[in-house]
Amino acid sequence: MYKKYVYQKESVIRVFEGHCDFVNSVSFNSNNNLLASGGYDNTLILWDTRYAKAIYKIVAHSDPLTSVCFSMDDTVLLTGSYDGFFRIWDVTKGINLQSNVLEANSPM
């Protein structure tokens, strides 16, 4: 039996404008009211998803960000970059709590 599917035209819900280059990684917090994004412009942006407004924008690394991730309790963000560092950020204050270098030959 042939089934016909009707697809509605996709529509944009919100546009988040703030990066000046490609976005490489995004992560929602557990309540989906915050979004963190990291890009090739070396920046970390924390967004209010309700209004698509940046809460803060930080030049977080000296090279493009490759990953962003919220902690399970949503209190910190972890960023990784081509510069070889991963950094831990306080979500509410937007300050760097810790920076660690990843060495190419270090055991995992």
PDB file of N, CA and C in Angstrom:
ATOM      1  N   MET A   1       0.834  -1.164   0.000  1.00  0.00           N
ATOM      2  CA  MET A   1       0.000   0.000   0.000  1.00  0.00           C
ATOM      3  C   MET A   1       0.890   1.243   0.000  1.00  0.00           C
ATOM      4  N   TYR A   2       0.597   2.164  -0.836  1.00  0.00           N
ATOM      5  CA  TYR A   2       1.355   3.407  -0.967  1.00  0.00           C
ATOM      6  C   TYR A   2       0.806   4.433   0.018  1.00  0.00           C
ATOM      7  N   LYS A   3       1.724   5.033   0.811  1.00  0.00           N
ATOM      8  CA  LYS A   3       1.312   6.067   1.754  1.00  0.00           C
ATOM      9  C   LYS A   3       1.849   7.405   1.283  1.00  0.00           C
ATOM     10  N   LYS A   4       1.007   8.365   1.342  1.00  0.00           N
ATOM     11  CA  LYS A   4       1.408   9.710   0.961  1.00  0.00           C
ATOM     12  C   LYS A   4       1.690  10.513   2.230  1.00  0.00           C
ATOM     13  N   TYR A   5       2.866  11.108   2.281  1.00  0.00           N
ATOM     14  CA  TYR A   5       3.243  11.932   3.416  1.00  0.00           C
ATOM     15  C   TYR A   5       3.192  13.393   3.002  1.00  0.00           C
ATOM     16  N   VAL A   6       2.638  14.184   3.855  1.00  0.00           N
ATOM     17  CA  VAL A   6       2.562  15.619   3.599  1.00  0.00           C
ATOM     18  C   VAL A   6       3.582  16.304   4.501  1.00  0.00           C
ATOM     19  N   TYR A   7       4.463  17.033   3.888  1.00  0.00           N
ATOM     20  CA  TYR A   7       5.491  17.751   4.629  1.00  0.00           C
ATOM     21  C   TYR A   7       5.187  19.239   4.614  1.00  0.00           C
ATOM     22  N   GLN A   8       5.209  19.826   5.779  1.00  0.00           N
ATOM     23  CA  GLN A   8       5.051  21.264   5.847  1.00  0.00           C
ATOM     24  C   GLN A   8       6.403  21.913   5.580  1.00  0.00           C
ATOM     25  N   LYS A   9       6.342  23.060   5.000  1.00  0.00           N
ATOM     26  CA  LYS A   9       7.563  23.801   4.738  1.00  0.00           C
ATOM     27  C   LYS A   9       8.223  24.133   6.075  1.00  0.00           C
ATOM     28  N   GLU A  10       9.535  23.864   6.171  1.00  0.00           N
ATOM     29  CA  GLU A  10      10.260  24.161   7.402  1.00  0.00           C
ATOM     30  C   GLU A  10      10.282  25.665   7.638  1.00  0.00           C
ATOM     31  N   SER A  11      10.157  26.037   8.883  1.00  0.00           N
ATOM     32  CA  SER A  11      10.203  27.453   9.211  1.00  0.00           C
ATOM     33  C   SER A  11      11.237  27.683  10.311  1.00  0.00           C
ATOM     34  N   VAL A  12      11.813  28.840  10.300  1.00  0.00           N
ATOM     35  CA  VAL A  12      12.801  29.212  11.290  1.00  0.00           C
ATOM     36  C   VAL A  12      12.073  29.678  12.546  1.00  0.00           C
ATOM     37  N   ILE A  13      12.471  29.141  13.686  1.00  0.00           N
ATOM     38  CA  ILE A  13      11.845  29.524  14.950  1.00  0.00           C
ATOM     39  C   ILE A  13      12.570  30.733  15.542  1.00  0.00           C
ATOM     40  N   ARG A  14      13.898  30.675  15.601  1.00  0.00           N
ATOM     41  CA  ARG A  14      14.710  31.770  16.114  1.00  0.00           C
ATOM     42  C   ARG A  14      16.027  31.817  15.357  1.00  0.00           C
ATOM     43  N   VAL A  15      16.564  33.006  15.222  1.00  0.00           N
ATOM     44  CA  VAL A  15      17.874  33.198  14.597  1.00  0.00           C
ATOM     45  C   VAL A  15      18.803  33.758  15.656  1.00  0.00           C
ATOM     46  N   PHE A  16      19.930  33.096  15.844  1.00  0.00           N
ATOM     47  CA  PHE A  16      20.928  33.525  16.815  1.00  0.00           C
ATOM     48  C   PHE A  16      22.082  34.170  16.047  1.00  0.00           C
ATOM     49  N   GLU A  17      22.206  35.482  16.173  1.00  0.00           N
ATOM     50  CA  GLU A  17      23.255  36.207  15.462  1.00  0.00           C
ATOM     51  C   GLU A  17      24.294  36.712  16.448  1.00  0.00           C
ATOM     52  N   GLY A  18      25.568  36.367  16.194  1.00  0.00           N
ATOM     53  CA  GLY A  18      26.608  36.827  17.107  1.00  0.00           C
ATOM     54  C   GLY A  18      28.007  36.383  16.725  1.00  0.00           C
ATOM     55  N   HIS A  19      28.113  35.232  16.087  1.00  0.00           N
ATOM     56  CA  HIS A  19      29.427  34.760  15.651  1.00  0.00           C
ATOM     57  C   HIS A  19      29.808  35.438  14.343  1.00  0.00           C
ATOM     58  N   CYS A  20      31.112  35.667  14.138  1.00  0.00           N
ATOM     59  CA  CYS A  20      31.571  36.264  12.878  1.00  0.00           C
ATOM     60  C   CYS A  20      32.194  35.225  11.944  1.00  0.00           C
ATOM     61  N   ASP A  21      32.086  33.957  12.290  1.00  0.00           N
ATOM     62  CA  ASP A  21      32.602  32.879  11.447  1.00  0.00           C
ATOM     63  C   ASP A  21      31.745  31.644  11.734  1.00  0.00           C
ATOM     64  N   PHE A  22      32.110  30.520  11.121  1.00  0.00           N
ATOM     65  CA  PHE A  22      31.333  29.291  11.271  1.00  0.00           C
ATOM     66  C   PHE A  22      31.205  28.872  12.729  1.00  0.00           C
ATOM     67  N   VAL A  23      30.040  28.337  13.089  1.00  0.00           N
ATOM     68  CA  VAL A  23      29.814  27.748  14.406  1.00  0.00           C
ATOM     69  C   VAL A  23      30.149  26.273  14.300  1.00  0.00           C
ATOM     70  N   ASN A  24      30.959  25.811  15.235  1.00  0.00           N
ATOM     71  CA  ASN A  24      31.446  24.437  15.172  1.00  0.00           C
ATOM     72  C   ASN A  24      30.769  23.521  16.187  1.00  0.00           C
ATOM     73  N   SER A  25      30.248  24.082  17.289  1.00  0.00           N
ATOM     74  CA  SER A  25      29.668  23.244  18.325  1.00  0.00           C
ATOM     75  C   SER A  25      28.602  24.024  19.093  1.00  0.00           C
ATOM     76  N   VAL A  26      27.526  23.328  19.474  1.00  0.00           N
ATOM     77  CA  VAL A  26      26.470  23.915  20.297  1.00  0.00           C
ATOM     78  C   VAL A  26      26.057  22.921  21.371  1.00  0.00           C
ATOM     79  N   SER A  27      25.533  23.443  22.477  1.00  0.00           N
ATOM     80  CA  SER A  27      25.067  22.593  23.555  1.00  0.00           C
ATOM     81  C   SER A  27      23.953  23.304  24.315  1.00  0.00           C
ATOM     82  N   PHE A  28      22.851  22.600  24.576  1.00  0.00           N
ATOM     83  CA  PHE A  28      21.764  23.116  25.399  1.00  0.00           C
ATOM     84  C   PHE A  28      21.977  22.687  26.844  1.00  0.00           C
ATOM     85  N   ASN A  29      21.541  23.531  27.800  1.00  0.00           N
ATOM     86  CA  ASN A  29      21.551  23.087  29.187  1.00  0.00           C
ATOM     87  C   ASN A  29      20.357  22.156  29.402  1.00  0.00           C
ATOM     88  N   SER A  30      20.230  21.613  30.604  1.00  0.00           N
ATOM     89  CA  SER A  30      19.190  20.605  30.851  1.00  0.00           C
ATOM     90  C   SER A  30      17.773  21.175  30.788  1.00  0.00           C
ATOM     91  N   ASN A  31      17.605  22.469  31.018  1.00  0.00           N
ATOM     92  CA  ASN A  31      16.274  23.091  30.936  1.00  0.00           C
ATOM     93  C   ASN A  31      15.963  23.642  29.556  1.00  0.00           C
ATOM     94  N   ASN A  32      16.907  23.574  28.654  1.00  0.00           N
ATOM     95  CA  ASN A  32      16.774  24.103  27.291  1.00  0.00           C
ATOM     96  C   ASN A  32      16.518  25.605  27.242  1.00  0.00           C
ATOM     97  N   ASN A  33      16.829  26.318  28.310  1.00  0.00           N
ATOM     98  CA  ASN A  33      16.659  27.770  28.282  1.00  0.00           C
ATOM     99  C   ASN A  33      17.974  28.499  27.998  1.00  0.00           C
ATOM    100  N   LEU A  34      19.080  27.757  27.995  1.00  0.00           N
ATOM    101  CA  LEU A  34      20.390  28.301  27.652  1.00  0.00           C
ATOM    102  C   LEU A  34      21.014  27.467  26.542  1.00  0.00           C
ATOM    103  N   LEU A  35      21.717  28.144  25.672  1.00  0.00           N
ATOM    104  CA  LEU A  35      22.442  27.493  24.584  1.00  0.00           C
ATOM    105  C   LEU A  35      23.847  28.069  24.575  1.00  0.00           C
ATOM    106  N   ALA A  36      24.843  27.208  24.515  1.00  0.00           N
ATOM    107  CA  ALA A  36      26.231  27.649  24.380  1.00  0.00           C
ATOM    108  C   ALA A  36      26.689  27.292  22.975  1.00  0.00           C
ATOM    109  N   SER A  37      27.424  28.213  22.351  1.00  0.00           N
ATOM    110  CA  SER A  37      27.943  27.950  21.017  1.00  0.00           C
ATOM    111  C   SER A  37      29.411  28.351  20.953  1.00  0.00           C
ATOM    112  N   GLY A  38      30.160  27.606  20.171  1.00  0.00           N
ATOM    113  CA  GLY A  38      31.576  27.898  19.969  1.00  0.00           C
ATOM    114  C   GLY A  38      31.888  27.828  18.496  1.00  0.00           C
ATOM    115  N   GLY A  39      32.777  28.703  18.037  1.00  0.00           N
ATOM    116  CA  GLY A  39      33.004  28.764  16.608  1.00  0.00           C
ATOM    117  C   GLY A  39      34.430  29.028  16.191  1.00  0.00           C
ATOM    118  N   TYR A  40      34.560  29.196  14.884  1.00  0.00           N
ATOM    119  CA  TYR A  40      35.853  29.454  14.268  1.00  0.00           C
ATOM    120  C   TYR A  40      36.332  30.876  14.539  1.00  0.00           C
ATOM    121  N   ASP A  41      35.506  31.703  15.161  1.00  0.00           N
ATOM    122  CA  ASP A  41      35.933  33.043  15.552  1.00  0.00           C
ATOM    123  C   ASP A  41      36.546  33.056  16.955  1.00  0.00           C
ATOM    124  N   ASN A  42      36.820  31.854  17.493  1.00  0.00           N
ATOM    125  CA  ASN A  42      37.478  31.648  18.797  1.00  0.00           C
ATOM    126  C   ASN A  42      36.602  32.045  19.982  1.00  0.00           C
ATOM    127  N   THR A  43      35.305  32.244  19.753  1.00  0.00           N
ATOM    128  CA  THR A  43      34.440  32.744  20.815  1.00  0.00           C
ATOM    129  C   THR A  43      33.469  31.697  21.344  1.00  0.00           C
ATOM    130  N   LEU A  44      33.139  31.901  22.600  1.00  0.00           N
ATOM    131  CA  LEU A  44      32.084  31.168  23.293  1.00  0.00           C
ATOM    132  C   LEU A  44      30.962  32.169  23.520  1.00  0.00           C
ATOM    133  N   ILE A  45      29.745  31.805  23.116  1.00  0.00           N
ATOM    134  CA  ILE A  45      28.592  32.668  23.371  1.00  0.00           C
ATOM    135  C   ILE A  45      27.555  31.864  24.155  1.00  0.00           C
ATOM    136  N   LEU A  46      27.055  32.472  25.228  1.00  0.00           N
ATOM    137  CA  LEU A  46      25.960  31.888  25.991  1.00  0.00           C
ATOM    138  C   LEU A  46      24.698  32.653  25.625  1.00  0.00           C
ATOM    139  N   TRP A  47      23.667  31.920  25.220  1.00  0.00           N
ATOM    140  CA  TRP A  47      22.434  32.499  24.699  1.00  0.00           C
ATOM    141  C   TRP A  47      21.247  32.218  25.603  1.00  0.00           C
ATOM    142  N   ASP A  48      20.330  33.163  25.662  1.00  0.00           N
ATOM    143  CA  ASP A  48      18.999  32.951  26.227  1.00  0.00           C
ATOM    144  C   ASP A  48      18.141  32.460  25.061  1.00  0.00           C
ATOM    145  N   THR A  49      17.699  31.214  25.116  1.00  0.00           N
ATOM    146  CA  THR A  49      16.997  30.622  23.972  1.00  0.00           C
ATOM    147  C   THR A  49      15.607  31.199  23.761  1.00  0.00           C
ATOM    148  N   ARG A  50      15.001  31.754  24.796  1.00  0.00           N
ATOM    149  CA  ARG A  50      13.656  32.315  24.640  1.00  0.00           C
ATOM    150  C   ARG A  50      13.646  33.516  23.706  1.00  0.00           C
ATOM    151  N   TYR A  51      14.710  34.317  23.779  1.00  0.00           N
ATOM    152  CA  TYR A  51      14.751  35.563  23.016  1.00  0.00           C
ATOM    153  C   TYR A  51      15.861  35.602  21.969  1.00  0.00           C
ATOM    154  N   ALA A  52      16.645  34.530  21.859  1.00  0.00           N
ATOM    155  CA  ALA A  52      17.780  34.458  20.931  1.00  0.00           C
ATOM    156  C   ALA A  52      18.737  35.622  21.155  1.00  0.00           C
ATOM    157  N   LYS A  53      18.953  35.963  22.419  1.00  0.00           N
ATOM    158  CA  LYS A  53      19.841  37.065  22.785  1.00  0.00           C
ATOM    159  C   LYS A  53      21.068  36.522  23.504  1.00  0.00           C
ATOM    160  N   ALA A  54      22.225  37.092  23.183  1.00  0.00           N
ATOM    161  CA  ALA A  54      23.457  36.692  23.845  1.00  0.00           C
ATOM    162  C   ALA A  54      23.481  37.222  25.274  1.00  0.00           C
ATOM    163  N   ILE A  55      23.786  36.354  26.212  1.00  0.00           N
ATOM    164  CA  ILE A  55      23.974  36.753  27.604  1.00  0.00           C
ATOM    165  C   ILE A  55      25.395  37.282  27.762  1.00  0.00           C
ATOM    166  N   TYR A  56      26.360  36.559  27.198  1.00  0.00           N
ATOM    167  CA  TYR A  56      27.730  37.046  27.104  1.00  0.00           C
ATOM    168  C   TYR A  56      28.443  36.385  25.939  1.00  0.00           C
ATOM    169  N   LYS A  57      29.484  37.088  25.471  1.00  0.00           N
ATOM    170  CA  LYS A  57      30.328  36.607  24.378  1.00  0.00           C
ATOM    171  C   LYS A  57      31.769  36.767  24.835  1.00  0.00           C
ATOM    172  N   ILE A  58      32.527  35.670  24.793  1.00  0.00           N
ATOM    173  CA  ILE A  58      33.891  35.653  25.305  1.00  0.00           C
ATOM    174  C   ILE A  58      34.839  35.134  24.233  1.00  0.00           C
ATOM    175  N   VAL A  59      35.945  35.831  24.025  1.00  0.00           N
ATOM    176  CA  VAL A  59      37.021  35.247  23.215  1.00  0.00           C
ATOM    177  C   VAL A  59      37.663  34.221  24.132  1.00  0.00           C
ATOM    178  N   ALA A  60      37.310  32.968  23.917  1.00  0.00           N
ATOM    179  CA  ALA A  60      37.624  31.907  24.868  1.00  0.00           C
ATOM    180  C   ALA A  60      38.946  31.201  24.598  1.00  0.00           C
ATOM    181  N   HIS A  61      39.407  31.241  23.366  1.00  0.00           N
ATOM    182  CA  HIS A  61      40.628  30.534  22.976  1.00  0.00           C
ATOM    183  C   HIS A  61      41.366  31.332  21.909  1.00  0.00           C
ATOM    184  N   SER A  62      42.601  30.909  21.640  1.00  0.00           N
ATOM    185  CA  SER A  62      43.396  31.580  20.608  1.00  0.00           C
ATOM    186  C   SER A  62      43.214  30.944  19.233  1.00  0.00           C
ATOM    187  N   ASP A  63      42.496  29.842  19.181  1.00  0.00           N
ATOM    188  CA  ASP A  63      42.169  29.146  17.931  1.00  0.00           C
ATOM    189  C   ASP A  63      40.694  28.745  17.976  1.00  0.00           C
ATOM    190  N   PRO A  64      40.149  28.266  16.851  1.00  0.00           N
ATOM    191  CA  PRO A  64      38.727  27.900  16.822  1.00  0.00           C
ATOM    192  C   PRO A  64      38.336  26.883  17.891  1.00  0.00           C
ATOM    193  N   LEU A  65      37.135  27.071  18.416  1.00  0.00           N
ATOM    194  CA  LEU A  65      36.584  26.114  19.369  1.00  0.00           C
ATOM    195  C   LEU A  65      36.105  24.881  18.618  1.00  0.00           C
ATOM    196  N   THR A  66      36.358  23.736  19.188  1.00  0.00           N
ATOM    197  CA  THR A  66      35.930  22.477  18.580  1.00  0.00           C
ATOM    198  C   THR A  66      34.769  21.851  19.338  1.00  0.00           C
ATOM    199  N   SER A  67      34.581  22.275  20.604  1.00  0.00           N
ATOM    200  CA  SER A  67      33.498  21.682  21.381  1.00  0.00           C
ATOM    201  C   SER A  67      33.081  22.586  22.526  1.00  0.00           C
ATOM    202  N   VAL A  68      31.803  22.518  22.866  1.00  0.00           N
ATOM    203  CA  VAL A  68      31.247  23.152  24.061  1.00  0.00           C
ATOM    204  C   VAL A  68      30.274  22.166  24.690  1.00  0.00           C
ATOM    205  N   CYS A  69      30.242  22.145  26.026  1.00  0.00           N
ATOM    206  CA  CYS A  69      29.373  21.192  26.712  1.00  0.00           C
ATOM    207  C   CYS A  69      29.051  21.709  28.107  1.00  0.00           C
ATOM    208  N   PHE A  70      27.782  21.611  28.508  1.00  0.00           N
ATOM    209  CA  PHE A  70      27.372  21.947  29.865  1.00  0.00           C
ATOM    210  C   PHE A  70      27.679  20.782  30.791  1.00  0.00           C
ATOM    211  N   SER A  71      27.980  21.091  32.062  1.00  0.00           N
ATOM    212  CA  SER A  71      28.091  20.049  33.075  1.00  0.00           C
ATOM    213  C   SER A  71      26.693  19.515  33.374  1.00  0.00           C
ATOM    214  N   MET A  72      26.639  18.383  34.035  1.00  0.00           N
ATOM    215  CA  MET A  72      25.339  17.773  34.324  1.00  0.00           C
ATOM    216  C   MET A  72      24.470  18.661  35.210  1.00  0.00           C
ATOM    217  N   ASP A  73      25.097  19.467  36.072  1.00  0.00           N
ATOM    218  CA  ASP A  73      24.317  20.352  36.942  1.00  0.00           C
ATOM    219  C   ASP A  73      24.168  21.764  36.370  1.00  0.00           C
ATOM    220  N   ASP A  74      24.623  21.975  35.148  1.00  0.00           N
ATOM    221  CA  ASP A  74      24.488  23.252  34.424  1.00  0.00           C
ATOM    222  C   ASP A  74      25.231  24.419  35.068  1.00  0.00           C
ATOM    223  N   THR A  75      26.192  24.162  35.928  1.00  0.00           N
ATOM    224  CA  THR A  75      26.904  25.254  36.594  1.00  0.00           C
ATOM    225  C   THR A  75      28.168  25.670  35.855  1.00  0.00           C
ATOM    226  N   VAL A  76      28.733  24.772  35.064  1.00  0.00           N
ATOM    227  CA  VAL A  76      29.945  25.094  34.314  1.00  0.00           C
ATOM    228  C   VAL A  76      29.820  24.653  32.863  1.00  0.00           C
ATOM    229  N   LEU A  77      30.619  25.304  32.030  1.00  0.00           N
ATOM    230  CA  LEU A  77      30.748  24.941  30.619  1.00  0.00           C
ATOM    231  C   LEU A  77      32.161  24.480  30.381  1.00  0.00           C
ATOM    232  N   LEU A  78      32.331  23.507  29.532  1.00  0.00           N
ATOM    233  CA  LEU A  78      33.647  23.042  29.118  1.00  0.00           C
ATOM    234  C   LEU A  78      33.815  23.388  27.649  1.00  0.00           C
ATOM    235  N   THR A  79      34.939  24.004  27.299  1.00  0.00           N
ATOM    236  CA  THR A  79      35.229  24.300  25.897  1.00  0.00           C
ATOM    237  C   THR A  79      36.543  23.637  25.520  1.00  0.00           C
ATOM    238  N   GLY A  80      36.637  23.223  24.282  1.00  0.00           N
ATOM    239  CA  GLY A  80      37.870  22.678  23.731  1.00  0.00           C
ATOM    240  C   GLY A  80      38.200  23.417  22.454  1.00  0.00           C
ATOM    241  N   SER A  81      39.504  23.430  22.101  1.00  0.00           N
ATOM    242  CA  SER A  81      39.931  24.233  20.970  1.00  0.00           C
ATOM    243  C   SER A  81      41.118  23.603  20.267  1.00  0.00           C
ATOM    244  N   TYR A  82      41.315  24.059  19.024  1.00  0.00           N
ATOM    245  CA  TYR A  82      42.500  23.658  18.275  1.00  0.00           C
ATOM    246  C   TYR A  82      43.777  24.177  18.920  1.00  0.00           C
ATOM    247  N   ASP A  83      43.689  25.129  19.840  1.00  0.00           N
ATOM    248  CA  ASP A  83      44.890  25.646  20.497  1.00  0.00           C
ATOM    249  C   ASP A  83      45.484  24.649  21.494  1.00  0.00           C
ATOM    250  N   GLY A  84      44.807  23.514  21.697  1.00  0.00           N
ATOM    251  CA  GLY A  84      45.320  22.472  22.577  1.00  0.00           C
ATOM    252  C   GLY A  84      44.837  22.584  24.013  1.00  0.00           C
ATOM    253  N   PHE A  85      44.038  23.584  24.310  1.00  0.00           N
ATOM    254  CA  PHE A  85      43.528  23.773  25.664  1.00  0.00           C
ATOM    255  C   PHE A  85      42.072  23.347  25.751  1.00  0.00           C
ATOM    256  N   PHE A  86      41.693  22.884  26.947  1.00  0.00           N
ATOM    257  CA  PHE A  86      40.280  22.829  27.281  1.00  0.00           C
ATOM    258  C   PHE A  86      40.110  23.699  28.514  1.00  0.00           C
ATOM    259  N   ARG A  87      38.983  24.401  28.559  1.00  0.00           N
ATOM    260  CA  ARG A  87      38.763  25.367  29.628  1.00  0.00           C
ATOM    261  C   ARG A  87      37.408  25.130  30.280  1.00  0.00           C
ATOM    262  N   ILE A  88      37.356  25.434  31.567  1.00  0.00           N
ATOM    263  CA  ILE A  88      36.136  25.302  32.344  1.00  0.00           C
ATOM    264  C   ILE A  88      35.676  26.711  32.718  1.00  0.00           C
ATOM    265  N   TRP A  89      34.397  27.006  32.432  1.00  0.00           N
ATOM    266  CA  TRP A  89      33.824  28.346  32.607  1.00  0.00           C
ATOM    267  C   TRP A  89      32.664  28.320  33.582  1.00  0.00           C
ATOM    268  N   ASP A  90      32.585  29.329  34.431  1.00  0.00           N
ATOM    269  CA  ASP A  90      31.427  29.522  35.298  1.00  0.00           C
ATOM    270  C   ASP A  90      30.277  30.034  34.431  1.00  0.00           C
ATOM    271  N   VAL A  91      29.159  29.337  34.428  1.00  0.00           N
ATOM    272  CA  VAL A  91      28.039  29.693  33.546  1.00  0.00           C
ATOM    273  C   VAL A  91      27.445  31.045  33.920  1.00  0.00           C
ATOM    274  N   THR A  92      27.226  31.300  35.196  1.00  0.00           N
ATOM    275  CA  THR A  92      26.540  32.528  35.590  1.00  0.00           C
ATOM    276  C   THR A  92      27.411  33.776  35.442  1.00  0.00           C
ATOM    277  N   LYS A  93      28.715  33.648  35.688  1.00  0.00           N
ATOM    278  CA  LYS A  93      29.599  34.812  35.648  1.00  0.00           C
ATOM    279  C   LYS A  93      30.377  34.952  34.342  1.00  0.00           C
ATOM    280  N   GLY A  94      30.499  33.866  33.586  1.00  0.00           N
ATOM    281  CA  GLY A  94      31.258  33.906  32.344  1.00  0.00           C
ATOM    282  C   GLY A  94      32.750  34.045  32.555  1.00  0.00           C
ATOM    283  N   ILE A  95      33.247  33.556  33.693  1.00  0.00           N
ATOM    284  CA  ILE A  95      34.681  33.646  33.962  1.00  0.00           C
ATOM    285  C   ILE A  95      35.338  32.272  33.844  1.00  0.00           C
ATOM    286  N   ASN A  96      36.596  32.294  33.451  1.00  0.00           N
ATOM    287  CA  ASN A  96      37.367  31.062  33.302  1.00  0.00           C
ATOM    288  C   ASN A  96      37.781  30.567  34.686  1.00  0.00           C
ATOM    289  N   LEU A  97      37.398  29.344  35.007  1.00  0.00           N
ATOM    290  CA  LEU A  97      37.742  28.749  36.292  1.00  0.00           C
ATOM    291  C   LEU A  97      39.025  27.945  36.225  1.00  0.00           C
ATOM    292  N   GLN A  98      39.291  27.358  35.051  1.00  0.00           N
ATOM    293  CA  GLN A  98      40.466  26.504  34.922  1.00  0.00           C
ATOM    294  C   GLN A  98      40.804  26.316  33.456  1.00  0.00           C
ATOM    295  N   SER A  99      42.117  26.286  33.161  1.00  0.00           N
ATOM    296  CA  SER A  99      42.606  25.999  31.814  1.00  0.00           C
ATOM    297  C   SER A  99      43.588  24.849  31.896  1.00  0.00           C
ATOM    298  N   ASN A 100      43.441  23.914  31.006  1.00  0.00           N
ATOM    299  CA  ASN A 100      44.335  22.755  30.971  1.00  0.00           C
ATOM    300  C   ASN A 100      44.789  22.523  29.545  1.00  0.00           C
ATOM    301  N   VAL A 101      46.055  22.167  29.393  1.00  0.00           N
ATOM    302  CA  VAL A 101      46.573  21.885  28.064  1.00  0.00           C
ATOM    303  C   VAL A 101      46.496  20.382  27.820  1.00  0.00           C
ATOM    304  N   LEU A 102      46.104  20.029  26.614  1.00  0.00           N
ATOM    305  CA  LEU A 102      46.098  18.623  26.207  1.00  0.00           C
ATOM    306  C   LEU A 102      47.363  18.374  25.409  1.00  0.00           C
ATOM    307  N   GLU A 103      48.213  17.513  25.901  1.00  0.00           N
ATOM    308  CA  GLU A 103      49.437  17.201  25.183  1.00  0.00           C
ATOM    309  C   GLU A 103      49.163  16.089  24.198  1.00  0.00           C
ATOM    310  N   ALA A 104      49.770  16.200  23.033  1.00  0.00           N
ATOM    311  CA  ALA A 104      49.505  15.250  21.939  1.00  0.00           C
ATOM    312  C   ALA A 104      49.855  13.819  22.324  1.00  0.00           C
ATOM    313  N   ASN A 105      50.879  13.619  23.117  1.00  0.00           N
ATOM    314  CA  ASN A 105      51.322  12.268  23.451  1.00  0.00           C
ATOM    315  C   ASN A 105      50.889  11.816  24.837  1.00  0.00           C
ATOM    316  N   SER A 106      50.012  12.552  25.487  1.00  0.00           N
ATOM    317  CA  SER A 106      49.596  12.166  26.834  1.00  0.00           C
ATOM    318  C   SER A 106      48.615  10.996  26.772  1.00  0.00           C
ATOM    319  N   PRO A 107      48.746  10.033  27.698  1.00  0.00           N
ATOM    320  CA  PRO A 107      47.812   8.895  27.710  1.00  0.00           C
ATOM    321  C   PRO A 107      46.418   9.348  28.126  1.00  0.00           C
ATOM    322  N   MET A 108      45.401   8.750  27.584  1.00  0.00           N
ATOM    323  CA  MET A 108      44.019   9.092  27.929  1.00  0.00           C
ATOM    324  C   MET A 108      43.573   8.255  29.088  1.00  0.00           C
TER     325      MET A 108
END
